[in-house]
Amino acid sequence: MKKIVNGALVSLLLAGAPLAAQAEKLAVVDMNTVFQQIPQREQISNSLKSEFGDRMAEVQKLQDELKGFMEKEQRDAALMTEAQKTELGRKMDQAKADLQLKGKALDEDLRRRQGEEQNKLLVKVQKAINDIAKKEQFDMVLQRGAVIYVKPDADISSKVVEALSKGQ
């Protein structure tokens, strides 16, 4: 049994030897760093702010209105008649419902658009990585999180950021 296991290990080592003998040129990219440093990120953020700014302001107005109703209830409850309390309660319920409805719709739309823009940006990042890999003849480019150690000169993240900065 021991001879079979040792024989299997030797054959595995010998089978892997040609692969190990062939040195491959590897690089890594820290995608988080790339996405944080590229100028397109700020452009996308500004674009989304302008696209959704009115709706964000409306939701903020509803939040402020609801907060005002709640403060009024706490401050003036002892002085209010039952009819006034009921009316204020209705206004608060309506404000909560509006806030919930409009806030949820805004969140969904904003998340969808962010995803669309991020996918467009990901395509550009991938193209920049591919171009650099071809130019510098890398056999493989890995994400930084997939490796435990890499020489600093094998990290091409700054080159990717530079390429994307030039090609805005």
C-alpha atoms as a PDB file:
ATOM      1  CA  MET A   1       0.000   0.000   0.000  1.00  0.00           C
ATOM      2  CA  LYS A   2       2.804   2.389   0.930  1.00  0.00           C
ATOM      3  CA  LYS A   3       4.548   1.680  -2.410  1.00  0.00           C
ATOM      4  CA  ILE A   4       1.367   2.515  -4.317  1.00  0.00           C
ATOM      5  CA  VAL A   5       0.972   5.861  -2.521  1.00  0.00           C
ATOM      6  CA  ASN A   6       4.653   6.732  -3.026  1.00  0.00           C
ATOM      7  CA  GLY A   7       4.437   5.705  -6.690  1.00  0.00           C
ATOM      8  CA  ALA A   8       1.373   7.877  -7.169  1.00  0.00           C
ATOM      9  CA  LEU A   9       3.130  10.866  -5.572  1.00  0.00           C
ATOM     10  CA  VAL A  10       6.206  10.405  -7.755  1.00  0.00           C
ATOM     11  CA  SER A  11       4.095  10.186 -10.907  1.00  0.00           C
ATOM     12  CA  LEU A  12       2.168  13.338  -9.913  1.00  0.00           C
ATOM     13  CA  LEU A  13       5.397  15.208  -9.270  1.00  0.00           C
ATOM     14  CA  LEU A  14       6.875  14.084 -12.570  1.00  0.00           C
ATOM     15  CA  ALA A  15       3.701  14.971 -14.463  1.00  0.00           C
ATOM     16  CA  GLY A  16       3.767  18.484 -12.992  1.00  0.00           C
ATOM     17  CA  ALA A  17       7.472  18.993 -13.648  1.00  0.00           C
ATOM     18  CA  PRO A  18       7.079  20.216 -17.250  1.00  0.00           C
ATOM     19  CA  LEU A  19       4.572  22.808 -16.080  1.00  0.00           C
ATOM     20  CA  ALA A  20       6.848  24.042 -13.320  1.00  0.00           C
ATOM     21  CA  ALA A  21       9.828  24.171 -15.659  1.00  0.00           C
ATOM     22  CA  GLN A  22       7.970  26.467 -18.000  1.00  0.00           C
ATOM     23  CA  ALA A  23       8.118  29.858 -16.297  1.00  0.00           C
ATOM     24  CA  GLU A  24       5.068  31.981 -16.901  1.00  0.00           C
ATOM     25  CA  LYS A  25       4.964  35.734 -16.678  1.00  0.00           C
ATOM     26  CA  LEU A  26       2.272  36.673 -14.167  1.00  0.00           C
ATOM     27  CA  ALA A  27       0.783  39.959 -13.009  1.00  0.00           C
ATOM     28  CA  VAL A  28      -1.848  40.997 -10.504  1.00  0.00           C
ATOM     29  CA  VAL A  29      -4.409  43.785 -10.403  1.00  0.00           C
ATOM     30  CA  ASP A  30      -6.003  45.163  -7.261  1.00  0.00           C
ATOM     31  CA  MET A  31      -9.485  45.911  -8.598  1.00  0.00           C
ATOM     32  CA  ASN A  32     -10.513  47.846  -5.468  1.00  0.00           C
ATOM     33  CA  THR A  33      -7.554  50.186  -5.880  1.00  0.00           C
ATOM     34  CA  VAL A  34      -8.271  50.611  -9.582  1.00  0.00           C
ATOM     35  CA  PHE A  35     -11.939  51.461  -9.014  1.00  0.00           C
ATOM     36  CA  GLN A  36     -11.081  53.907  -6.230  1.00  0.00           C
ATOM     37  CA  GLN A  37      -8.461  55.781  -8.232  1.00  0.00           C
ATOM     38  CA  ILE A  38      -9.869  56.056 -11.739  1.00  0.00           C
ATOM     39  CA  PRO A  39     -11.287  59.448 -12.679  1.00  0.00           C
ATOM     40  CA  GLN A  40     -14.361  57.905 -14.308  1.00  0.00           C
ATOM     41  CA  ARG A  41     -15.676  57.006 -10.855  1.00  0.00           C
ATOM     42  CA  GLU A  42     -16.106  60.682  -9.996  1.00  0.00           C
ATOM     43  CA  GLN A  43     -17.735  61.361 -13.372  1.00  0.00           C
ATOM     44  CA  ILE A  44     -20.241  58.558 -12.803  1.00  0.00           C
ATOM     45  CA  SER A  45     -20.988  59.828  -9.309  1.00  0.00           C
ATOM     46  CA  ASN A  46     -21.648  63.343 -10.621  1.00  0.00           C
ATOM     47  CA  SER A  47     -23.778  61.991 -13.457  1.00  0.00           C
ATOM     48  CA  LEU A  48     -25.930  59.965 -11.075  1.00  0.00           C
ATOM     49  CA  LYS A  49     -26.265  62.943  -8.711  1.00  0.00           C
ATOM     50  CA  SER A  50     -27.539  65.118 -11.532  1.00  0.00           C
ATOM     51  CA  GLU A  51     -29.839  62.362 -12.823  1.00  0.00           C
ATOM     52  CA  PHE A  52     -31.362  61.577  -9.420  1.00  0.00           C
ATOM     53  CA  GLY A  53     -30.813  64.922  -7.650  1.00  0.00           C
ATOM     54  CA  ASP A  54     -34.437  66.055  -7.853  1.00  0.00           C
ATOM     55  CA  ARG A  55     -35.746  62.779  -6.488  1.00  0.00           C
ATOM     56  CA  MET A  56     -33.135  62.772  -3.709  1.00  0.00           C
ATOM     57  CA  ALA A  57     -34.174  66.293  -2.750  1.00  0.00           C
ATOM     58  CA  GLU A  58     -37.831  65.242  -2.713  1.00  0.00           C
ATOM     59  CA  VAL A  59     -37.090  62.293  -0.415  1.00  0.00           C
ATOM     60  CA  GLN A  60     -35.032  64.566   1.842  1.00  0.00           C
ATOM     61  CA  LYS A  61     -37.936  67.027   1.957  1.00  0.00           C
ATOM     62  CA  LEU A  62     -40.282  64.215   2.985  1.00  0.00           C
ATOM     63  CA  GLN A  63     -37.851  63.142   5.719  1.00  0.00           C
ATOM     64  CA  ASP A  64     -37.647  66.695   7.033  1.00  0.00           C
ATOM     65  CA  GLU A  65     -41.431  67.036   6.927  1.00  0.00           C
ATOM     66  CA  LEU A  66     -41.911  63.808   8.874  1.00  0.00           C
ATOM     67  CA  LYS A  67     -39.291  64.870  11.401  1.00  0.00           C
ATOM     68  CA  GLY A  68     -41.125  68.193  11.838  1.00  0.00           C
ATOM     69  CA  PHE A  69     -44.423  66.385  12.470  1.00  0.00           C
ATOM     70  CA  MET A  70     -42.777  64.122  15.047  1.00  0.00           C
ATOM     71  CA  GLU A  71     -41.168  67.076  16.826  1.00  0.00           C
ATOM     72  CA  LYS A  72     -44.491  68.921  16.841  1.00  0.00           C
ATOM     73  CA  GLU A  73     -46.204  65.871  18.322  1.00  0.00           C
ATOM     74  CA  GLN A  74     -43.643  65.609  21.128  1.00  0.00           C
ATOM     75  CA  ARG A  75     -43.592  69.326  21.804  1.00  0.00           C
ATOM     76  CA  ASP A  76     -47.302  70.184  21.554  1.00  0.00           C
ATOM     77  CA  ALA A  77     -49.124  66.916  22.381  1.00  0.00           C
ATOM     78  CA  ALA A  78     -50.218  68.137  25.806  1.00  0.00           C
ATOM     79  CA  LEU A  79     -51.738  71.290  24.347  1.00  0.00           C
ATOM     80  CA  MET A  80     -53.473  69.725  21.328  1.00  0.00           C
ATOM     81  CA  THR A  81     -57.107  68.735  21.107  1.00  0.00           C
ATOM     82  CA  GLU A  82     -58.041  65.175  20.133  1.00  0.00           C
ATOM     83  CA  ALA A  83     -58.996  66.388  16.643  1.00  0.00           C
ATOM     84  CA  GLN A  84     -55.613  68.082  16.222  1.00  0.00           C
ATOM     85  CA  LYS A  85     -53.823  64.953  17.426  1.00  0.00           C
ATOM     86  CA  THR A  86     -55.817  62.826  14.983  1.00  0.00           C
ATOM     87  CA  GLU A  87     -55.093  65.208  12.112  1.00  0.00           C
ATOM     88  CA  LEU A  88     -51.380  65.270  12.946  1.00  0.00           C
ATOM     89  CA  GLY A  89     -51.365  61.457  13.153  1.00  0.00           C
ATOM     90  CA  ARG A  90     -52.913  61.243   9.675  1.00  0.00           C
ATOM     91  CA  LYS A  91     -50.363  63.680   8.294  1.00  0.00           C
ATOM     92  CA  MET A  92     -47.551  61.642   9.864  1.00  0.00           C
ATOM     93  CA  ASP A  93     -48.946  58.381   8.464  1.00  0.00           C
ATOM     94  CA  GLN A  94     -49.254  59.927   4.996  1.00  0.00           C
ATOM     95  CA  ALA A  95     -45.728  61.337   5.173  1.00  0.00           C
ATOM     96  CA  LYS A  96     -44.365  57.931   6.269  1.00  0.00           C
ATOM     97  CA  ALA A  97     -46.175  56.182   3.414  1.00  0.00           C
ATOM     98  CA  ASP A  98     -44.943  58.704   0.843  1.00  0.00           C
ATOM     99  CA  LEU A  99     -41.414  58.505   2.201  1.00  0.00           C
ATOM    100  CA  GLN A 100     -41.423  54.725   2.147  1.00  0.00           C
ATOM    101  CA  LEU A 101     -42.813  54.532  -1.388  1.00  0.00           C
ATOM    102  CA  LYS A 102     -40.617  57.210  -2.937  1.00  0.00           C
ATOM    103  CA  GLY A 103     -37.534  56.199  -0.955  1.00  0.00           C
ATOM    104  CA  LYS A 104     -37.811  52.571  -2.028  1.00  0.00           C
ATOM    105  CA  ALA A 105     -38.345  53.503  -5.692  1.00  0.00           C
ATOM    106  CA  LEU A 106     -35.373  55.862  -5.574  1.00  0.00           C
ATOM    107  CA  ASP A 107     -33.148  53.214  -3.973  1.00  0.00           C
ATOM    108  CA  GLU A 108     -34.110  50.620  -6.580  1.00  0.00           C
ATOM    109  CA  ASP A 109     -33.601  52.979  -9.524  1.00  0.00           C
ATOM    110  CA  LEU A 110     -30.332  54.304  -8.169  1.00  0.00           C
ATOM    111  CA  ARG A 111     -29.002  50.803  -7.486  1.00  0.00           C
ATOM    112  CA  ARG A 112     -29.970  49.707 -11.015  1.00  0.00           C
ATOM    113  CA  ARG A 113     -28.265  52.692 -12.648  1.00  0.00           C
ATOM    114  CA  GLN A 114     -25.152  52.280 -10.494  1.00  0.00           C
ATOM    115  CA  GLY A 115     -24.972  48.669 -11.629  1.00  0.00           C
ATOM    116  CA  GLU A 116     -25.288  49.692 -15.274  1.00  0.00           C
ATOM    117  CA  GLU A 117     -22.558  52.295 -14.960  1.00  0.00           C
ATOM    118  CA  GLN A 118     -20.309  49.948 -13.013  1.00  0.00           C
ATOM    119  CA  ASN A 119     -20.696  47.280 -15.703  1.00  0.00           C
ATOM    120  CA  LYS A 120     -19.729  49.797 -18.406  1.00  0.00           C
ATOM    121  CA  LEU A 121     -16.711  50.776 -16.357  1.00  0.00           C
ATOM    122  CA  LEU A 122     -15.787  47.153 -15.749  1.00  0.00           C
ATOM    123  CA  VAL A 123     -15.659  46.586 -19.521  1.00  0.00           C
ATOM    124  CA  LYS A 124     -13.224  49.509 -19.860  1.00  0.00           C
ATOM    125  CA  VAL A 125     -11.082  48.218 -16.985  1.00  0.00           C
ATOM    126  CA  GLN A 126     -11.007  44.741 -18.511  1.00  0.00           C
ATOM    127  CA  LYS A 127      -9.949  46.179 -21.882  1.00  0.00           C
ATOM    128  CA  ALA A 128      -7.157  48.182 -20.249  1.00  0.00           C
ATOM    129  CA  ILE A 129      -5.939  45.075 -18.408  1.00  0.00           C
ATOM    130  CA  ASN A 130      -6.017  43.040 -21.624  1.00  0.00           C
ATOM    131  CA  ASP A 131      -4.110  45.730 -23.525  1.00  0.00           C
ATOM    132  CA  ILE A 132      -1.415  45.951 -20.852  1.00  0.00           C
ATOM    133  CA  ALA A 133      -1.162  42.147 -20.637  1.00  0.00           C
ATOM    134  CA  LYS A 134      -0.695  41.869 -24.412  1.00  0.00           C
ATOM    135  CA  LYS A 135       1.768  44.756 -24.586  1.00  0.00           C
ATOM    136  CA  GLU A 136       3.911  43.451 -21.721  1.00  0.00           C
ATOM    137  CA  GLN A 137       3.402  39.807 -22.734  1.00  0.00           C
ATOM    138  CA  PHE A 138       1.888  38.525 -19.512  1.00  0.00           C
ATOM    139  CA  ASP A 139       0.679  34.955 -19.663  1.00  0.00           C
ATOM    140  CA  MET A 140      -1.822  35.491 -16.872  1.00  0.00           C
ATOM    141  CA  VAL A 141      -3.265  38.367 -14.841  1.00  0.00           C
ATOM    142  CA  LEU A 142      -4.861  37.551 -11.500  1.00  0.00           C
ATOM    143  CA  GLN A 143      -6.894  39.602  -9.068  1.00  0.00           C
ATOM    144  CA  ARG A 144      -4.818  40.705  -6.075  1.00  0.00           C
ATOM    145  CA  GLY A 145      -7.116  38.951  -3.619  1.00  0.00           C
ATOM    146  CA  ALA A 146      -6.441  35.579  -5.296  1.00  0.00           C
ATOM    147  CA  VAL A 147      -2.735  35.534  -4.407  1.00  0.00           C
ATOM    148  CA  ILE A 148      -0.980  35.530  -1.068  1.00  0.00           C
ATOM    149  CA  TYR A 149       2.254  37.131  -2.166  1.00  0.00           C
ATOM    150  CA  VAL A 150       3.379  38.942  -5.268  1.00  0.00           C
ATOM    151  CA  LYS A 151       6.410  41.043  -6.032  1.00  0.00           C
ATOM    152  CA  PRO A 152       5.499  44.714  -6.107  1.00  0.00           C
ATOM    153  CA  ASP A 153       6.698  45.058  -9.711  1.00  0.00           C
ATOM    154  CA  ALA A 154       4.189  42.376 -10.783  1.00  0.00           C
ATOM    155  CA  ASP A 155       1.252  44.550  -9.623  1.00  0.00           C
ATOM    156  CA  ILE A 156      -0.034  46.432 -12.682  1.00  0.00           C
ATOM    157  CA  SER A 157      -2.851  48.282 -10.892  1.00  0.00           C
ATOM    158  CA  SER A 158      -1.190  51.680 -11.300  1.00  0.00           C
ATOM    159  CA  LYS A 159      -0.665  50.998 -15.017  1.00  0.00           C
ATOM    160  CA  VAL A 160      -4.358  50.213 -15.397  1.00  0.00           C
ATOM    161  CA  VAL A 161      -5.333  53.431 -13.601  1.00  0.00           C
ATOM    162  CA  GLU A 162      -2.918  55.381 -15.782  1.00  0.00           C
ATOM    163  CA  ALA A 163      -4.297  53.837 -18.978  1.00  0.00           C
ATOM    164  CA  LEU A 164      -7.861  54.607 -17.948  1.00  0.00           C
ATOM    165  CA  SER A 165      -6.920  58.159 -16.956  1.00  0.00           C
ATOM    166  CA  LYS A 166      -5.459  58.797 -20.394  1.00  0.00           C
ATOM    167  CA  GLY A 167      -8.373  57.256 -22.234  1.00  0.00           C
ATOM    168  CA  GLN A 168     -11.166  59.042 -20.387  1.00  0.00           C
END
